[in-house]
Amino acid sequence: HDDCGKKIKKKLGCKLTQRESGMTTIHEDQEREITVVILYFREHDHNSPNDGDAGFLLHFSSYHKTNLLRFENGYVGLGCGSENSILLFPREDFFKILDVLPSVNDEGLDYFIRVEKRDDDFFFDTRNPDVGFDPIDGEYLI
Protein backbone atom coordinates (compact mmCIF):
# COMPACT_ATOMS: atom_id res chain seq x y z
CA HIS A 1 0.00 0.00 0.00
CA ASP A 2 3.01 2.32 0.20
CA ASP A 3 3.14 2.37 -3.60
CA CYS A 4 -0.50 3.44 -3.65
CA GLY A 5 0.22 6.40 -1.37
CA LYS A 6 3.30 7.39 -3.37
CA LYS A 7 1.36 7.44 -6.62
CA ILE A 8 -1.42 9.56 -5.09
CA LYS A 9 1.14 12.03 -3.67
CA LYS A 10 2.74 12.34 -7.08
CA LYS A 11 -0.63 12.89 -8.79
CA LEU A 12 -1.64 15.61 -6.32
CA GLY A 13 1.84 17.14 -6.24
CA CYS A 14 2.00 17.44 -2.47
CA LYS A 15 3.70 16.01 0.61
CA LEU A 16 1.19 13.85 2.44
CA THR A 17 1.87 12.55 5.93
CA GLN A 18 -0.16 10.27 8.17
CA ARG A 19 -2.48 12.36 10.27
CA GLU A 20 -2.09 10.25 13.41
CA SER A 21 0.17 7.42 14.34
CA GLY A 22 -1.64 4.20 13.57
CA MET A 23 -4.17 5.87 11.26
CA THR A 24 -2.69 4.66 7.99
CA THR A 25 -5.78 5.64 6.00
CA ILE A 26 -5.78 9.38 6.80
CA HIS A 27 -3.11 11.53 5.14
CA GLU A 28 -2.85 15.28 4.90
CA ASP A 29 -0.80 18.21 3.74
CA GLN A 30 -1.51 20.95 6.27
CA GLU A 31 0.34 23.57 4.26
CA ARG A 32 -1.85 23.03 1.17
CA GLU A 33 -4.91 22.08 3.23
CA ILE A 34 -5.45 18.70 1.59
CA THR A 35 -6.82 15.58 3.25
CA VAL A 36 -6.69 12.21 1.51
CA VAL A 37 -8.33 9.02 2.71
CA ILE A 38 -6.50 6.07 1.19
CA LEU A 39 -8.21 2.70 1.28
CA TYR A 40 -6.60 -0.36 -0.24
CA PHE A 41 -7.44 -3.98 -0.48
CA ARG A 42 -6.25 -7.05 -2.25
CA GLU A 43 -8.38 -8.84 -4.76
CA HIS A 44 -11.06 -11.11 -3.35
CA ASP A 45 -12.49 -14.19 -4.98
CA HIS A 46 -15.87 -13.43 -6.45
CA ASN A 47 -16.18 -16.67 -8.40
CA SER A 48 -15.71 -15.12 -11.81
CA PRO A 49 -14.38 -17.45 -14.47
CA ASN A 50 -13.29 -14.54 -16.69
CA ASP A 51 -9.62 -13.56 -16.96
CA GLY A 52 -9.08 -9.91 -16.08
CA ASP A 53 -12.02 -9.78 -13.64
CA ALA A 54 -11.40 -8.91 -10.01
CA GLY A 55 -13.25 -7.67 -6.96
CA PHE A 56 -12.24 -5.47 -4.03
CA LEU A 57 -13.98 -4.83 -0.70
CA LEU A 58 -13.22 -1.55 1.08
CA HIS A 59 -14.53 -0.01 4.30
CA PHE A 60 -15.34 3.72 4.42
CA SER A 61 -16.39 5.02 7.85
CA SER A 62 -17.90 8.16 9.32
CA TYR A 63 -14.42 8.88 10.72
CA HIS A 64 -13.08 9.03 7.17
CA LYS A 65 -15.89 11.36 6.12
CA THR A 66 -15.28 13.69 9.07
CA ASN A 67 -11.59 13.91 8.21
CA LEU A 68 -12.33 14.65 4.56
CA LEU A 69 -14.29 17.70 5.69
CA ARG A 70 -11.33 18.98 7.74
CA PHE A 71 -9.85 20.94 4.82
CA GLU A 72 -11.32 22.48 1.69
CA ASN A 73 -9.58 19.94 -0.54
CA GLY A 74 -10.40 16.31 0.16
CA TYR A 75 -9.78 13.18 -1.88
CA VAL A 76 -10.51 9.47 -1.59
CA GLY A 77 -8.00 7.05 -3.05
CA LEU A 78 -9.08 3.45 -3.60
CA GLY A 79 -6.19 1.08 -4.14
CA CYS A 80 -7.52 -1.95 -5.96
CA GLY A 81 -4.85 -4.60 -5.74
CA SER A 82 -1.81 -2.80 -7.15
CA GLU A 83 -0.28 0.58 -7.90
CA ASN A 84 -1.66 0.18 -11.43
CA SER A 85 -5.26 0.08 -10.20
CA ILE A 86 -5.76 3.23 -8.11
CA LEU A 87 -8.93 5.30 -8.28
CA LEU A 88 -8.71 8.88 -6.98
CA PHE A 89 -11.91 10.86 -6.38
CA PRO A 90 -12.39 14.46 -5.29
CA ARG A 91 -14.41 14.50 -2.07
CA GLU A 92 -17.59 15.89 -3.67
CA ASP A 93 -17.62 13.22 -6.39
CA PHE A 94 -17.09 10.46 -3.86
CA PHE A 95 -19.90 11.72 -1.61
CA LYS A 96 -22.28 11.55 -4.60
CA ILE A 97 -21.26 7.93 -5.08
CA LEU A 98 -22.03 7.16 -1.44
CA ASP A 99 -25.60 8.31 -2.08
CA VAL A 100 -26.23 5.25 -4.28
CA LEU A 101 -24.35 2.72 -2.14
CA PRO A 102 -25.89 0.84 0.77
CA SER A 103 -24.61 1.75 4.21
CA VAL A 104 -24.30 -0.50 7.25
CA ASN A 105 -27.73 -0.72 8.89
CA ASP A 106 -28.91 1.99 6.43
CA GLU A 107 -27.60 4.65 8.81
CA GLY A 108 -25.39 6.46 6.28
CA LEU A 109 -22.35 6.30 8.57
CA ASP A 110 -20.28 3.30 7.50
CA TYR A 111 -20.02 1.72 4.07
CA PHE A 112 -18.58 -1.51 2.76
CA ILE A 113 -17.69 -0.56 -0.78
CA ARG A 114 -17.33 -3.23 -3.40
CA VAL A 115 -15.38 -2.31 -6.51
CA GLU A 116 -15.42 -4.72 -9.43
CA LYS A 117 -12.88 -4.76 -12.22
CA ARG A 118 -13.83 -6.30 -15.53
CA ASP A 119 -11.03 -6.28 -18.05
CA ASP A 120 -9.80 -2.69 -17.69
CA ASP A 121 -13.09 -1.15 -16.53
CA PHE A 122 -14.11 -0.50 -12.92
CA PHE A 123 -17.61 -0.54 -11.41
CA PHE A 124 -19.21 0.07 -8.03
CA ASP A 125 -21.45 -2.80 -7.00
CA THR A 126 -24.46 -0.90 -5.64
CA ARG A 127 -26.18 -4.12 -4.48
CA ASN A 128 -29.34 -2.43 -5.68
CA PRO A 129 -31.27 -4.44 -8.28
CA ASP A 130 -32.59 -1.23 -9.85
CA VAL A 131 -29.11 0.25 -10.31
CA GLY A 132 -26.81 -2.79 -10.49
CA PHE A 133 -23.20 -2.01 -11.31
CA ASP A 134 -22.40 1.69 -11.58
CA PRO A 135 -19.52 2.29 -14.04
CA ILE A 136 -16.57 4.34 -12.78
CA ASP A 137 -15.37 6.95 -15.24
CA GLY A 138 -11.81 6.29 -16.45
CA GLU A 139 -10.79 9.85 -15.46
CA TYR A 140 -10.53 8.63 -11.84
CA LEU A 141 -7.92 5.96 -12.67
CA ILE A 142 -4.41 7.22 -11.98
C-alpha atoms as a PDB file:
ATOM      1  CA  HIS A   1       0.000   0.000   0.000  1.00  0.00           C
ATOM      2  CA  ASP A   2       3.009   2.320   0.204  1.00  0.00           C
ATOM      3  CA  ASP A   3       3.142   2.369  -3.595  1.00  0.00           C
ATOM      4  CA  CYS A   4      -0.500   3.443  -3.654  1.00  0.00           C
ATOM      5  CA  GLY A   5       0.219   6.398  -1.370  1.00  0.00           C
ATOM      6  CA  LYS A   6       3.298   7.393  -3.367  1.00  0.00           C
ATOM      7  CA  LYS A   7       1.359   7.439  -6.619  1.00  0.00           C
ATOM      8  CA  ILE A   8      -1.416   9.562  -5.093  1.00  0.00           C
ATOM      9  CA  LYS A   9       1.136  12.029  -3.665  1.00  0.00           C
ATOM     10  CA  LYS A  10       2.741  12.336  -7.075  1.00  0.00           C
ATOM     11  CA  LYS A  11      -0.625  12.888  -8.788  1.00  0.00           C
ATOM     12  CA  LEU A  12      -1.643  15.606  -6.321  1.00  0.00           C
ATOM     13  CA  GLY A  13       1.838  17.145  -6.240  1.00  0.00           C
ATOM     14  CA  CYS A  14       1.999  17.440  -2.474  1.00  0.00           C
ATOM     15  CA  LYS A  15       3.701  16.012   0.607  1.00  0.00           C
ATOM     16  CA  LEU A  16       1.190  13.848   2.440  1.00  0.00           C
ATOM     17  CA  THR A  17       1.872  12.550   5.927  1.00  0.00           C
ATOM     18  CA  GLN A  18      -0.159  10.274   8.170  1.00  0.00           C
ATOM     19  CA  ARG A  19      -2.483  12.360  10.268  1.00  0.00           C
ATOM     20  CA  GLU A  20      -2.090  10.253  13.411  1.00  0.00           C
ATOM     21  CA  SER A  21       0.167   7.422  14.341  1.00  0.00           C
ATOM     22  CA  GLY A  22      -1.640   4.198  13.573  1.00  0.00           C
ATOM     23  CA  MET A  23      -4.170   5.871  11.258  1.00  0.00           C
ATOM     24  CA  THR A  24      -2.693   4.663   7.989  1.00  0.00           C
ATOM     25  CA  THR A  25      -5.783   5.636   5.998  1.00  0.00           C
ATOM     26  CA  ILE A  26      -5.778   9.380   6.795  1.00  0.00           C
ATOM     27  CA  HIS A  27      -3.111  11.526   5.136  1.00  0.00           C
ATOM     28  CA  GLU A  28      -2.846  15.284   4.900  1.00  0.00           C
ATOM     29  CA  ASP A  29      -0.798  18.205   3.739  1.00  0.00           C
ATOM     30  CA  GLN A  30      -1.507  20.954   6.269  1.00  0.00           C
ATOM     31  CA  GLU A  31       0.335  23.574   4.259  1.00  0.00           C
ATOM     32  CA  ARG A  32      -1.852  23.025   1.174  1.00  0.00           C
ATOM     33  CA  GLU A  33      -4.912  22.084   3.235  1.00  0.00           C
ATOM     34  CA  ILE A  34      -5.450  18.699   1.592  1.00  0.00           C
ATOM     35  CA  THR A  35      -6.819  15.578   3.248  1.00  0.00           C
ATOM     36  CA  VAL A  36      -6.693  12.209   1.514  1.00  0.00           C
ATOM     37  CA  VAL A  37      -8.334   9.017   2.711  1.00  0.00           C
ATOM     38  CA  ILE A  38      -6.497   6.072   1.185  1.00  0.00           C
ATOM     39  CA  LEU A  39      -8.213   2.697   1.280  1.00  0.00           C
ATOM     40  CA  TYR A  40      -6.603  -0.363  -0.237  1.00  0.00           C
ATOM     41  CA  PHE A  41      -7.441  -3.980  -0.482  1.00  0.00           C
ATOM     42  CA  ARG A  42      -6.250  -7.047  -2.249  1.00  0.00           C
ATOM     43  CA  GLU A  43      -8.376  -8.844  -4.764  1.00  0.00           C
ATOM     44  CA  HIS A  44     -11.064 -11.108  -3.355  1.00  0.00           C
ATOM     45  CA  ASP A  45     -12.487 -14.187  -4.977  1.00  0.00           C
ATOM     46  CA  HIS A  46     -15.873 -13.433  -6.454  1.00  0.00           C
ATOM     47  CA  ASN A  47     -16.182 -16.667  -8.398  1.00  0.00           C
ATOM     48  CA  SER A  48     -15.713 -15.115 -11.814  1.00  0.00           C
ATOM     49  CA  PRO A  49     -14.380 -17.453 -14.474  1.00  0.00           C
ATOM     50  CA  ASN A  50     -13.287 -14.542 -16.694  1.00  0.00           C
ATOM     51  CA  ASP A  51      -9.618 -13.563 -16.961  1.00  0.00           C
ATOM     52  CA  GLY A  52      -9.085  -9.915 -16.080  1.00  0.00           C
ATOM     53  CA  ASP A  53     -12.022  -9.780 -13.642  1.00  0.00           C
ATOM     54  CA  ALA A  54     -11.396  -8.910 -10.008  1.00  0.00           C
ATOM     55  CA  GLY A  55     -13.255  -7.667  -6.959  1.00  0.00           C
ATOM     56  CA  PHE A  56     -12.239  -5.468  -4.026  1.00  0.00           C
ATOM     57  CA  LEU A  57     -13.983  -4.834  -0.701  1.00  0.00           C
ATOM     58  CA  LEU A  58     -13.224  -1.552   1.078  1.00  0.00           C
ATOM     59  CA  HIS A  59     -14.527  -0.007   4.296  1.00  0.00           C
ATOM     60  CA  PHE A  60     -15.345   3.719   4.421  1.00  0.00           C
ATOM     61  CA  SER A  61     -16.386   5.019   7.849  1.00  0.00           C
ATOM     62  CA  SER A  62     -17.900   8.165   9.317  1.00  0.00           C
ATOM     63  CA  TYR A  63     -14.417   8.880  10.724  1.00  0.00           C
ATOM     64  CA  HIS A  64     -13.076   9.030   7.169  1.00  0.00           C
ATOM     65  CA  LYS A  65     -15.893  11.356   6.115  1.00  0.00           C
ATOM     66  CA  THR A  66     -15.283  13.689   9.073  1.00  0.00           C
ATOM     67  CA  ASN A  67     -11.594  13.911   8.212  1.00  0.00           C
ATOM     68  CA  LEU A  68     -12.330  14.650   4.560  1.00  0.00           C
ATOM     69  CA  LEU A  69     -14.290  17.701   5.689  1.00  0.00           C
ATOM     70  CA  ARG A  70     -11.331  18.982   7.745  1.00  0.00           C
ATOM     71  CA  PHE A  71      -9.851  20.937   4.824  1.00  0.00           C
ATOM     72  CA  GLU A  72     -11.320  22.480   1.695  1.00  0.00           C
ATOM     73  CA  ASN A  73      -9.585  19.939  -0.545  1.00  0.00           C
ATOM     74  CA  GLY A  74     -10.400  16.312   0.160  1.00  0.00           C
ATOM     75  CA  TYR A  75      -9.779  13.181  -1.880  1.00  0.00           C
ATOM     76  CA  VAL A  76     -10.506   9.475  -1.585  1.00  0.00           C
ATOM     77  CA  GLY A  77      -8.004   7.051  -3.054  1.00  0.00           C
ATOM     78  CA  LEU A  78      -9.084   3.452  -3.599  1.00  0.00           C
ATOM     79  CA  GLY A  79      -6.190   1.084  -4.144  1.00  0.00           C
ATOM     80  CA  CYS A  80      -7.515  -1.950  -5.962  1.00  0.00           C
ATOM     81  CA  GLY A  81      -4.847  -4.600  -5.742  1.00  0.00           C
ATOM     82  CA  SER A  82      -1.812  -2.801  -7.147  1.00  0.00           C
ATOM     83  CA  GLU A  83      -0.284   0.578  -7.898  1.00  0.00           C
ATOM     84  CA  ASN A  84      -1.659   0.179 -11.433  1.00  0.00           C
ATOM     85  CA  SER A  85      -5.256   0.085 -10.204  1.00  0.00           C
ATOM     86  CA  ILE A  86      -5.763   3.228  -8.107  1.00  0.00           C
ATOM     87  CA  LEU A  87      -8.929   5.300  -8.283  1.00  0.00           C
ATOM     88  CA  LEU A  88      -8.710   8.881  -6.981  1.00  0.00           C
ATOM     89  CA  PHE A  89     -11.905  10.860  -6.380  1.00  0.00           C
ATOM     90  CA  PRO A  90     -12.395  14.456  -5.294  1.00  0.00           C
ATOM     91  CA  ARG A  91     -14.411  14.503  -2.074  1.00  0.00           C
ATOM     92  CA  GLU A  92     -17.587  15.887  -3.668  1.00  0.00           C
ATOM     93  CA  ASP A  93     -17.623  13.224  -6.387  1.00  0.00           C
ATOM     94  CA  PHE A  94     -17.092  10.456  -3.863  1.00  0.00           C
ATOM     95  CA  PHE A  95     -19.900  11.724  -1.607  1.00  0.00           C
ATOM     96  CA  LYS A  96     -22.276  11.555  -4.595  1.00  0.00           C
ATOM     97  CA  ILE A  97     -21.257   7.926  -5.083  1.00  0.00           C
ATOM     98  CA  LEU A  98     -22.026   7.160  -1.435  1.00  0.00           C
ATOM     99  CA  ASP A  99     -25.600   8.311  -2.084  1.00  0.00           C
ATOM    100  CA  VAL A 100     -26.229   5.246  -4.277  1.00  0.00           C
ATOM    101  CA  LEU A 101     -24.345   2.724  -2.139  1.00  0.00           C
ATOM    102  CA  PRO A 102     -25.892   0.837   0.765  1.00  0.00           C
ATOM    103  CA  SER A 103     -24.609   1.753   4.212  1.00  0.00           C
ATOM    104  CA  VAL A 104     -24.296  -0.500   7.246  1.00  0.00           C
ATOM    105  CA  ASN A 105     -27.731  -0.721   8.893  1.00  0.00           C
ATOM    106  CA  ASP A 106     -28.914   1.988   6.432  1.00  0.00           C
ATOM    107  CA  GLU A 107     -27.597   4.646   8.811  1.00  0.00           C
ATOM    108  CA  GLY A 108     -25.390   6.465   6.280  1.00  0.00           C
ATOM    109  CA  LEU A 109     -22.350   6.297   8.574  1.00  0.00           C
ATOM    110  CA  ASP A 110     -20.278   3.305   7.499  1.00  0.00           C
ATOM    111  CA  TYR A 111     -20.019   1.722   4.068  1.00  0.00           C
ATOM    112  CA  PHE A 112     -18.585  -1.511   2.757  1.00  0.00           C
ATOM    113  CA  ILE A 113     -17.689  -0.564  -0.777  1.00  0.00           C
ATOM    114  CA  ARG A 114     -17.330  -3.233  -3.397  1.00  0.00           C
ATOM    115  CA  VAL A 115     -15.378  -2.307  -6.509  1.00  0.00           C
ATOM    116  CA  GLU A 116     -15.423  -4.718  -9.430  1.00  0.00           C
ATOM    117  CA  LYS A 117     -12.877  -4.762 -12.222  1.00  0.00           C
ATOM    118  CA  ARG A 118     -13.828  -6.301 -15.529  1.00  0.00           C
ATOM    119  CA  ASP A 119     -11.030  -6.282 -18.050  1.00  0.00           C
ATOM    120  CA  ASP A 120      -9.803  -2.686 -17.695  1.00  0.00           C
ATOM    121  CA  ASP A 121     -13.090  -1.151 -16.532  1.00  0.00           C
ATOM    122  CA  PHE A 122     -14.113  -0.498 -12.918  1.00  0.00           C
ATOM    123  CA  PHE A 123     -17.610  -0.542 -11.415  1.00  0.00           C
ATOM    124  CA  PHE A 124     -19.206   0.073  -8.028  1.00  0.00           C
ATOM    125  CA  ASP A 125     -21.452  -2.799  -6.997  1.00  0.00           C
ATOM    126  CA  THR A 126     -24.461  -0.905  -5.636  1.00  0.00           C
ATOM    127  CA  ARG A 127     -26.177  -4.125  -4.481  1.00  0.00           C
ATOM    128  CA  ASN A 128     -29.339  -2.432  -5.684  1.00  0.00           C
ATOM    129  CA  PRO A 129     -31.274  -4.444  -8.285  1.00  0.00           C
ATOM    130  CA  ASP A 130     -32.594  -1.231  -9.853  1.00  0.00           C
ATOM    131  CA  VAL A 131     -29.105   0.246 -10.315  1.00  0.00           C
ATOM    132  CA  GLY A 132     -26.806  -2.794 -10.491  1.00  0.00           C
ATOM    133  CA  PHE A 133     -23.201  -2.014 -11.313  1.00  0.00           C
ATOM    134  CA  ASP A 134     -22.401   1.690 -11.577  1.00  0.00           C
ATOM    135  CA  PRO A 135     -19.520   2.295 -14.037  1.00  0.00           C
ATOM    136  CA  ILE A 136     -16.566   4.338 -12.776  1.00  0.00           C
ATOM    137  CA  ASP A 137     -15.366   6.946 -15.244  1.00  0.00           C
ATOM    138  CA  GLY A 138     -11.814   6.294 -16.451  1.00  0.00           C
ATOM    139  CA  GLU A 139     -10.788   9.845 -15.462  1.00  0.00           C
ATOM    140  CA  TYR A 140     -10.530   8.635 -11.843  1.00  0.00           C
ATOM    141  CA  LEU A 141      -7.922   5.962 -12.666  1.00  0.00           C
ATOM    142  CA  ILE A 142      -4.413   7.223 -11.979  1.00  0.00           C
END
